[in-house]
Every structure is written in C-alpha cells, then in structure tokens.
Amino acid sequence: MTETIPAGFEPHFRKSPFTDPWEPLYSKRTEKAVALGLRLATPHTNSRGLIHGGLIASLADNAMGYSCAQATGWTVRLVTINLSVDFVGSAEIGQWLSVECEVIRTGSTICFAQSLIKADDVVIARANGTFRVVPQKG
C-alpha cells in the first residue's frame, strides 16, 4: 500500500470547520463533477478501526453538493433535501478513500446526484443526494 495521492487530486479547495479534523482532504475537479479523497487515518474510524459510516455519508453529501455546484457554474447555493447511503463494504486505516460523483439532473429548484464511495478502487458504498437550489443573493 502506497501513501501517494492519486493523479489529479490536489489539496481540497474548500475548507470547513466540520471537515477540518479529517484533513488533509483532496479534491479532483472535472467539468461536471468534484471528487473528494483522503488517506484513511484514525480520526476517520470507529472503535473497531474501520471507516465510520458518518464519514462516508458526510463526504458523499459534500462531494455531490460540490458536483451540483460545479455543473451549474457555481452560480447557486445548494442545501441538502435528501441523502441516502447504501453501505456495501468497509475500509481500514491507510486505504485511499474516494467519492466519485455524477450529476443526474440540474434544474432551477432541484439538483440530483449520485456517487460511488471507493476504498483503493473497491466500492464500499453508494449514495444519492437531492439538493435544493438557492439563488445567490445579489
């Protein structure tokens, strides 16, 4: 297992008090999506030393929201209406976690996205998110 950061990922462009304890976070932008990634460490785990489901849900929520923002040119704010996560595997300290998103549809009031959460390229969860579009204040 290597400690390198996969190609295309750079230090995350957006900081938050909520995600500060999980740093360093990385992101990779494409024209229509934002992927998040991190190297799993102790602050990311439960008492058994496995990735915490709350981390998966939070990063999926962030990545899908950022992806909807990227797809709309960052012209709107978004708030989560619904988030669903299916946990299908686990991960351990040292593995590379990535949240890869696809925006399903953007509209004037709602945005839909989905993501696959992977540990060393093995899917451990999938998530779907629905976001309310809130126009930027002028």
N, C-alpha and C. Protein backbone atom coordinates (compact mmCIF):
# COMPACT_ATOMS: atom_id res chain seq x y z
N MET A 1 0.85 -1.17 0.00
CA MET A 1 0.00 0.00 0.00
C MET A 1 0.90 1.24 0.00
N THR A 2 0.62 2.14 -0.92
CA THR A 2 1.44 3.32 -1.05
C THR A 2 0.74 4.52 -0.41
N GLU A 3 1.51 5.47 0.04
CA GLU A 3 0.95 6.66 0.67
C GLU A 3 0.81 7.81 -0.31
N THR A 4 0.98 7.54 -1.59
CA THR A 4 0.88 8.60 -2.58
C THR A 4 -0.57 9.00 -2.79
N ILE A 5 -0.74 10.18 -3.33
CA ILE A 5 -2.06 10.69 -3.66
C ILE A 5 -2.30 10.41 -5.15
N PRO A 6 -3.44 9.84 -5.51
CA PRO A 6 -3.70 9.52 -6.92
C PRO A 6 -3.65 10.75 -7.83
N ALA A 7 -3.29 10.52 -9.07
CA ALA A 7 -3.18 11.59 -10.06
C ALA A 7 -4.48 12.38 -10.16
N GLY A 8 -4.33 13.68 -10.30
CA GLY A 8 -5.48 14.56 -10.47
C GLY A 8 -6.00 15.15 -9.18
N PHE A 9 -5.70 14.54 -8.05
CA PHE A 9 -6.16 15.07 -6.77
C PHE A 9 -5.19 16.12 -6.26
N GLU A 10 -5.75 17.21 -5.74
CA GLU A 10 -4.97 18.30 -5.17
C GLU A 10 -5.57 18.64 -3.81
N PRO A 11 -4.84 19.38 -2.96
CA PRO A 11 -5.44 19.79 -1.70
C PRO A 11 -6.81 20.44 -1.95
N HIS A 12 -7.78 20.05 -1.14
CA HIS A 12 -9.16 20.49 -1.36
C HIS A 12 -9.26 22.01 -1.33
N PHE A 13 -10.03 22.54 -2.26
CA PHE A 13 -10.15 23.98 -2.46
C PHE A 13 -11.08 24.66 -1.46
N ARG A 14 -11.81 23.89 -0.67
CA ARG A 14 -12.78 24.49 0.23
C ARG A 14 -12.58 23.94 1.64
N LYS A 15 -12.43 24.81 2.59
CA LYS A 15 -12.24 24.41 3.98
C LYS A 15 -13.54 24.62 4.76
N SER A 16 -13.71 23.82 5.81
CA SER A 16 -14.90 23.90 6.65
C SER A 16 -14.55 23.47 8.06
N PRO A 17 -15.08 24.14 9.07
CA PRO A 17 -14.82 23.70 10.45
C PRO A 17 -15.24 22.24 10.67
N PHE A 18 -16.29 21.80 9.97
CA PHE A 18 -16.77 20.43 10.12
C PHE A 18 -15.76 19.41 9.61
N THR A 19 -15.11 19.71 8.48
CA THR A 19 -14.18 18.75 7.89
C THR A 19 -12.73 18.95 8.32
N ASP A 20 -12.44 20.03 9.04
CA ASP A 20 -11.06 20.28 9.48
C ASP A 20 -10.41 19.09 10.19
N PRO A 21 -11.13 18.37 11.08
CA PRO A 21 -10.48 17.23 11.76
C PRO A 21 -10.08 16.09 10.81
N TRP A 22 -10.61 16.08 9.61
CA TRP A 22 -10.33 15.00 8.65
C TRP A 22 -9.21 15.35 7.68
N GLU A 23 -8.66 16.54 7.79
CA GLU A 23 -7.58 16.96 6.88
C GLU A 23 -6.38 16.04 6.99
N PRO A 24 -5.62 15.88 5.92
CA PRO A 24 -5.80 16.59 4.65
C PRO A 24 -6.83 15.93 3.74
N LEU A 25 -7.71 16.76 3.20
CA LEU A 25 -8.68 16.34 2.20
C LEU A 25 -8.18 16.76 0.83
N TYR A 26 -8.54 15.98 -0.18
CA TYR A 26 -8.13 16.27 -1.55
C TYR A 26 -9.37 16.28 -2.43
N SER A 27 -9.27 17.00 -3.53
CA SER A 27 -10.36 17.01 -4.50
C SER A 27 -9.81 16.98 -5.91
N LYS A 28 -10.67 16.53 -6.80
CA LYS A 28 -10.34 16.48 -8.23
C LYS A 28 -11.56 17.01 -8.96
N ARG A 29 -11.36 18.08 -9.72
CA ARG A 29 -12.46 18.70 -10.45
C ARG A 29 -12.46 18.26 -11.91
N THR A 30 -13.66 18.01 -12.41
CA THR A 30 -13.87 17.84 -13.85
C THR A 30 -14.86 18.91 -14.26
N GLU A 31 -15.23 18.93 -15.51
CA GLU A 31 -16.16 19.95 -15.98
C GLU A 31 -17.50 19.87 -15.24
N LYS A 32 -17.93 18.64 -14.91
CA LYS A 32 -19.27 18.48 -14.34
C LYS A 32 -19.31 17.83 -12.97
N ALA A 33 -18.18 17.64 -12.33
CA ALA A 33 -18.21 16.98 -11.03
C ALA A 33 -16.97 17.32 -10.21
N VAL A 34 -17.09 17.03 -8.91
CA VAL A 34 -15.98 17.17 -7.98
C VAL A 34 -15.88 15.86 -7.21
N ALA A 35 -14.70 15.24 -7.25
CA ALA A 35 -14.44 14.04 -6.45
C ALA A 35 -13.66 14.46 -5.22
N LEU A 36 -13.94 13.83 -4.10
CA LEU A 36 -13.19 14.06 -2.87
C LEU A 36 -12.39 12.81 -2.54
N GLY A 37 -11.26 12.99 -1.87
CA GLY A 37 -10.45 11.86 -1.48
C GLY A 37 -9.65 12.16 -0.23
N LEU A 38 -9.27 11.09 0.46
CA LEU A 38 -8.40 11.20 1.61
C LEU A 38 -7.77 9.85 1.90
N ARG A 39 -6.66 9.89 2.60
CA ARG A 39 -5.99 8.67 3.06
C ARG A 39 -6.58 8.37 4.44
N LEU A 40 -7.22 7.22 4.61
CA LEU A 40 -7.88 6.90 5.87
C LEU A 40 -6.89 6.83 7.03
N ALA A 41 -7.27 7.50 8.13
CA ALA A 41 -6.45 7.56 9.33
C ALA A 41 -7.36 7.39 10.55
N THR A 42 -6.77 7.34 11.71
CA THR A 42 -7.52 7.10 12.95
C THR A 42 -8.73 8.02 13.13
N PRO A 43 -8.65 9.33 12.84
CA PRO A 43 -9.83 10.19 13.05
C PRO A 43 -11.02 9.83 12.14
N HIS A 44 -10.82 8.97 11.17
CA HIS A 44 -11.87 8.58 10.22
C HIS A 44 -12.57 7.28 10.61
N THR A 45 -12.17 6.70 11.74
CA THR A 45 -12.62 5.35 12.06
C THR A 45 -13.54 5.28 13.28
N ASN A 46 -14.19 4.10 13.38
CA ASN A 46 -15.00 3.80 14.56
C ASN A 46 -14.12 3.07 15.58
N SER A 47 -14.73 2.56 16.64
CA SER A 47 -13.97 1.91 17.71
C SER A 47 -13.30 0.60 17.27
N ARG A 48 -13.72 0.05 16.13
CA ARG A 48 -13.11 -1.18 15.61
C ARG A 48 -11.99 -0.91 14.62
N GLY A 49 -11.69 0.38 14.38
CA GLY A 49 -10.63 0.74 13.46
C GLY A 49 -11.03 0.71 11.99
N LEU A 50 -12.34 0.64 11.73
CA LEU A 50 -12.86 0.65 10.36
C LEU A 50 -13.46 2.02 10.06
N ILE A 51 -13.56 2.35 8.78
CA ILE A 51 -14.12 3.64 8.40
C ILE A 51 -15.50 3.83 9.03
N HIS A 52 -15.75 5.02 9.52
CA HIS A 52 -17.04 5.34 10.14
C HIS A 52 -18.06 5.69 9.07
N GLY A 53 -19.26 5.15 9.18
CA GLY A 53 -20.32 5.43 8.22
C GLY A 53 -20.67 6.90 8.15
N GLY A 54 -20.53 7.61 9.25
CA GLY A 54 -20.80 9.05 9.24
C GLY A 54 -19.84 9.81 8.36
N LEU A 55 -18.59 9.36 8.30
CA LEU A 55 -17.60 9.98 7.41
C LEU A 55 -18.02 9.76 5.96
N ILE A 56 -18.41 8.53 5.65
CA ILE A 56 -18.84 8.22 4.28
C ILE A 56 -20.01 9.10 3.89
N ALA A 57 -21.02 9.19 4.75
CA ALA A 57 -22.21 9.99 4.44
C ALA A 57 -21.86 11.46 4.29
N SER A 58 -21.04 11.98 5.18
CA SER A 58 -20.68 13.40 5.12
C SER A 58 -19.89 13.75 3.88
N LEU A 59 -18.90 12.92 3.54
CA LEU A 59 -18.10 13.21 2.35
C LEU A 59 -18.92 13.04 1.08
N ALA A 60 -19.82 12.06 1.04
CA ALA A 60 -20.68 11.90 -0.12
C ALA A 60 -21.60 13.12 -0.28
N ASP A 61 -22.16 13.58 0.82
CA ASP A 61 -23.02 14.77 0.79
C ASP A 61 -22.24 15.97 0.26
N ASN A 62 -21.04 16.19 0.77
CA ASN A 62 -20.20 17.30 0.31
C ASN A 62 -19.86 17.17 -1.17
N ALA A 63 -19.38 16.00 -1.56
CA ALA A 63 -18.94 15.82 -2.95
C ALA A 63 -20.09 15.97 -3.94
N MET A 64 -21.25 15.44 -3.60
CA MET A 64 -22.39 15.58 -4.51
C MET A 64 -22.88 17.02 -4.57
N GLY A 65 -22.88 17.72 -3.45
CA GLY A 65 -23.25 19.13 -3.46
C GLY A 65 -22.27 19.96 -4.27
N TYR A 66 -20.95 19.71 -4.08
CA TYR A 66 -19.95 20.42 -4.88
C TYR A 66 -20.11 20.08 -6.36
N SER A 67 -20.46 18.84 -6.66
CA SER A 67 -20.63 18.44 -8.06
C SER A 67 -21.82 19.17 -8.69
N CYS A 68 -22.91 19.30 -7.96
CA CYS A 68 -24.05 20.06 -8.47
C CYS A 68 -23.65 21.52 -8.69
N ALA A 69 -22.88 22.07 -7.75
CA ALA A 69 -22.40 23.45 -7.90
C ALA A 69 -21.50 23.57 -9.13
N GLN A 70 -20.59 22.62 -9.31
CA GLN A 70 -19.69 22.64 -10.47
C GLN A 70 -20.50 22.57 -11.77
N ALA A 71 -21.52 21.71 -11.80
CA ALA A 71 -22.33 21.54 -13.01
C ALA A 71 -23.14 22.79 -13.34
N THR A 72 -23.41 23.61 -12.33
CA THR A 72 -24.18 24.84 -12.56
C THR A 72 -23.29 26.08 -12.59
N GLY A 73 -22.00 25.87 -12.68
CA GLY A 73 -21.08 27.01 -12.78
C GLY A 73 -20.93 27.80 -11.50
N TRP A 74 -21.23 27.20 -10.36
CA TRP A 74 -21.09 27.84 -9.06
C TRP A 74 -21.92 29.12 -8.96
N THR A 75 -23.07 29.15 -9.63
CA THR A 75 -23.91 30.34 -9.63
C THR A 75 -25.03 30.26 -8.59
N VAL A 76 -25.16 29.11 -7.92
CA VAL A 76 -26.22 28.93 -6.92
C VAL A 76 -25.62 28.33 -5.66
N ARG A 77 -26.36 28.46 -4.58
CA ARG A 77 -26.04 27.74 -3.35
C ARG A 77 -26.95 26.52 -3.30
N LEU A 78 -26.53 25.50 -2.60
CA LEU A 78 -27.32 24.28 -2.51
C LEU A 78 -27.44 23.84 -1.06
N VAL A 79 -28.60 23.31 -0.72
CA VAL A 79 -28.80 22.70 0.59
C VAL A 79 -29.36 21.31 0.37
N THR A 80 -28.97 20.39 1.21
CA THR A 80 -29.39 19.00 1.06
C THR A 80 -30.84 18.83 1.49
N ILE A 81 -31.62 18.23 0.60
CA ILE A 81 -33.00 17.86 0.91
C ILE A 81 -33.05 16.41 1.38
N ASN A 82 -32.34 15.55 0.65
CA ASN A 82 -32.35 14.13 0.98
C ASN A 82 -30.98 13.53 0.67
N LEU A 83 -30.58 12.62 1.52
CA LEU A 83 -29.33 11.89 1.33
C LEU A 83 -29.59 10.44 1.70
N SER A 84 -29.26 9.53 0.81
CA SER A 84 -29.37 8.11 1.14
C SER A 84 -28.05 7.44 0.82
N VAL A 85 -27.64 6.55 1.71
CA VAL A 85 -26.37 5.85 1.55
C VAL A 85 -26.60 4.36 1.75
N ASP A 86 -26.08 3.57 0.83
CA ASP A 86 -26.08 2.13 0.96
C ASP A 86 -24.64 1.71 1.23
N PHE A 87 -24.42 1.06 2.37
CA PHE A 87 -23.09 0.60 2.75
C PHE A 87 -22.93 -0.85 2.30
N VAL A 88 -21.94 -1.10 1.45
CA VAL A 88 -21.76 -2.44 0.90
C VAL A 88 -20.39 -3.03 1.21
N GLY A 89 -19.58 -2.32 1.96
CA GLY A 89 -18.25 -2.80 2.30
C GLY A 89 -17.66 -1.93 3.38
N SER A 90 -16.36 -2.11 3.63
CA SER A 90 -15.69 -1.34 4.66
C SER A 90 -14.29 -0.97 4.19
N ALA A 91 -13.60 -0.24 5.01
CA ALA A 91 -12.23 0.18 4.69
C ALA A 91 -11.46 0.33 5.99
N GLU A 92 -10.13 0.27 5.86
CA GLU A 92 -9.25 0.33 7.01
C GLU A 92 -8.25 1.48 6.88
N ILE A 93 -7.63 1.79 8.00
CA ILE A 93 -6.59 2.82 8.04
C ILE A 93 -5.55 2.54 6.96
N GLY A 94 -5.16 3.60 6.25
CA GLY A 94 -4.14 3.50 5.22
C GLY A 94 -4.69 3.42 3.81
N GLN A 95 -5.96 3.04 3.66
CA GLN A 95 -6.52 2.94 2.32
C GLN A 95 -6.87 4.33 1.78
N TRP A 96 -6.87 4.46 0.45
CA TRP A 96 -7.28 5.70 -0.21
C TRP A 96 -8.79 5.65 -0.40
N LEU A 97 -9.48 6.63 0.16
CA LEU A 97 -10.93 6.74 0.02
C LEU A 97 -11.23 7.79 -1.02
N SER A 98 -12.11 7.47 -1.97
CA SER A 98 -12.53 8.47 -2.95
C SER A 98 -14.05 8.45 -3.08
N VAL A 99 -14.60 9.62 -3.31
CA VAL A 99 -16.03 9.78 -3.54
C VAL A 99 -16.16 10.33 -4.95
N GLU A 100 -16.66 9.51 -5.86
CA GLU A 100 -16.77 9.87 -7.27
C GLU A 100 -18.23 10.11 -7.61
N CYS A 101 -18.52 11.29 -8.15
CA CYS A 101 -19.90 11.73 -8.33
C CYS A 101 -20.30 11.86 -9.79
N GLU A 102 -21.60 11.78 -9.96
CA GLU A 102 -22.24 12.07 -11.25
C GLU A 102 -23.49 12.88 -10.96
N VAL A 103 -23.60 14.01 -11.63
CA VAL A 103 -24.82 14.82 -11.51
C VAL A 103 -25.84 14.24 -12.48
N ILE A 104 -26.99 13.89 -11.95
CA ILE A 104 -28.04 13.27 -12.75
C ILE A 104 -28.86 14.32 -13.49
N ARG A 105 -29.23 15.37 -12.76
CA ARG A 105 -30.03 16.43 -13.37
C ARG A 105 -29.93 17.68 -12.54
N THR A 106 -29.79 18.81 -13.23
CA THR A 106 -29.87 20.10 -12.56
C THR A 106 -31.09 20.82 -13.09
N GLY A 107 -31.73 21.54 -12.21
CA GLY A 107 -32.90 22.33 -12.60
C GLY A 107 -32.87 23.65 -11.87
N SER A 108 -33.90 24.41 -12.03
CA SER A 108 -33.92 25.74 -11.40
C SER A 108 -34.18 25.67 -9.90
N THR A 109 -34.73 24.54 -9.41
CA THR A 109 -35.01 24.43 -7.98
C THR A 109 -34.42 23.19 -7.32
N ILE A 110 -34.09 22.17 -8.11
CA ILE A 110 -33.62 20.90 -7.56
C ILE A 110 -32.43 20.39 -8.38
N CYS A 111 -31.50 19.72 -7.70
CA CYS A 111 -30.38 19.05 -8.36
C CYS A 111 -30.28 17.64 -7.79
N PHE A 112 -30.07 16.67 -8.66
CA PHE A 112 -29.93 15.27 -8.25
C PHE A 112 -28.53 14.79 -8.60
N ALA A 113 -27.92 14.04 -7.68
CA ALA A 113 -26.59 13.49 -7.93
C ALA A 113 -26.49 12.10 -7.30
N GLN A 114 -25.51 11.36 -7.78
CA GLN A 114 -25.21 10.06 -7.18
C GLN A 114 -23.71 9.90 -7.08
N SER A 115 -23.27 9.01 -6.21
CA SER A 115 -21.83 8.81 -6.05
C SER A 115 -21.53 7.37 -5.67
N LEU A 116 -20.31 6.99 -6.01
CA LEU A 116 -19.73 5.74 -5.55
C LEU A 116 -18.59 6.09 -4.62
N ILE A 117 -18.56 5.45 -3.46
CA ILE A 117 -17.51 5.67 -2.50
C ILE A 117 -16.61 4.43 -2.56
N LYS A 118 -15.32 4.67 -2.81
CA LYS A 118 -14.39 3.56 -3.02
C LYS A 118 -13.22 3.63 -2.06
N ALA A 119 -12.76 2.45 -1.66
CA ALA A 119 -11.53 2.32 -0.88
C ALA A 119 -10.55 1.53 -1.74
N ASP A 120 -9.46 2.17 -2.11
CA ASP A 120 -8.49 1.56 -3.03
C ASP A 120 -9.20 0.98 -4.26
N ASP A 121 -10.10 1.76 -4.83
CA ASP A 121 -10.84 1.43 -6.06
C ASP A 121 -11.87 0.32 -5.91
N VAL A 122 -12.18 -0.10 -4.70
CA VAL A 122 -13.24 -1.09 -4.46
C VAL A 122 -14.43 -0.35 -3.87
N VAL A 123 -15.61 -0.52 -4.47
CA VAL A 123 -16.81 0.18 -4.00
C VAL A 123 -17.18 -0.32 -2.61
N ILE A 124 -17.32 0.63 -1.66
CA ILE A 124 -17.76 0.27 -0.32
C ILE A 124 -19.11 0.91 0.03
N ALA A 125 -19.57 1.84 -0.80
CA ALA A 125 -20.87 2.47 -0.56
C ALA A 125 -21.31 3.19 -1.83
N ARG A 126 -22.59 3.43 -1.88
CA ARG A 126 -23.14 4.29 -2.94
C ARG A 126 -24.10 5.25 -2.26
N ALA A 127 -24.22 6.43 -2.85
CA ALA A 127 -25.07 7.45 -2.23
C ALA A 127 -25.84 8.19 -3.32
N ASN A 128 -27.00 8.67 -2.93
CA ASN A 128 -27.83 9.51 -3.78
C ASN A 128 -28.18 10.76 -2.98
N GLY A 129 -28.16 11.90 -3.66
CA GLY A 129 -28.50 13.14 -2.98
C GLY A 129 -29.43 14.00 -3.81
N THR A 130 -30.31 14.67 -3.11
CA THR A 130 -31.21 15.65 -3.72
C THR A 130 -30.94 16.97 -3.02
N PHE A 131 -30.72 18.01 -3.83
CA PHE A 131 -30.33 19.30 -3.29
C PHE A 131 -31.28 20.39 -3.77
N ARG A 132 -31.63 21.30 -2.88
CA ARG A 132 -32.45 22.46 -3.20
C ARG A 132 -31.53 23.54 -3.71
N VAL A 133 -31.88 24.11 -4.85
CA VAL A 133 -31.11 25.21 -5.42
C VAL A 133 -31.58 26.51 -4.80
N VAL A 134 -30.63 27.25 -4.23
CA VAL A 134 -30.92 28.53 -3.60
C VAL A 134 -30.16 29.58 -4.36
N PRO A 135 -30.83 30.49 -5.08
CA PRO A 135 -30.11 31.51 -5.87
C PRO A 135 -29.19 32.35 -4.99
N GLN A 136 -28.05 32.74 -5.55
CA GLN A 136 -27.11 33.60 -4.85
C GLN A 136 -27.77 34.94 -4.59
N LYS A 137 -27.49 35.51 -3.44
CA LYS A 137 -28.01 36.84 -3.13
C LYS A 137 -27.22 37.87 -3.93
N GLY A 138 -27.94 38.78 -4.58
CA GLY A 138 -27.33 39.74 -5.47
C GLY A 138 -26.69 40.87 -4.84
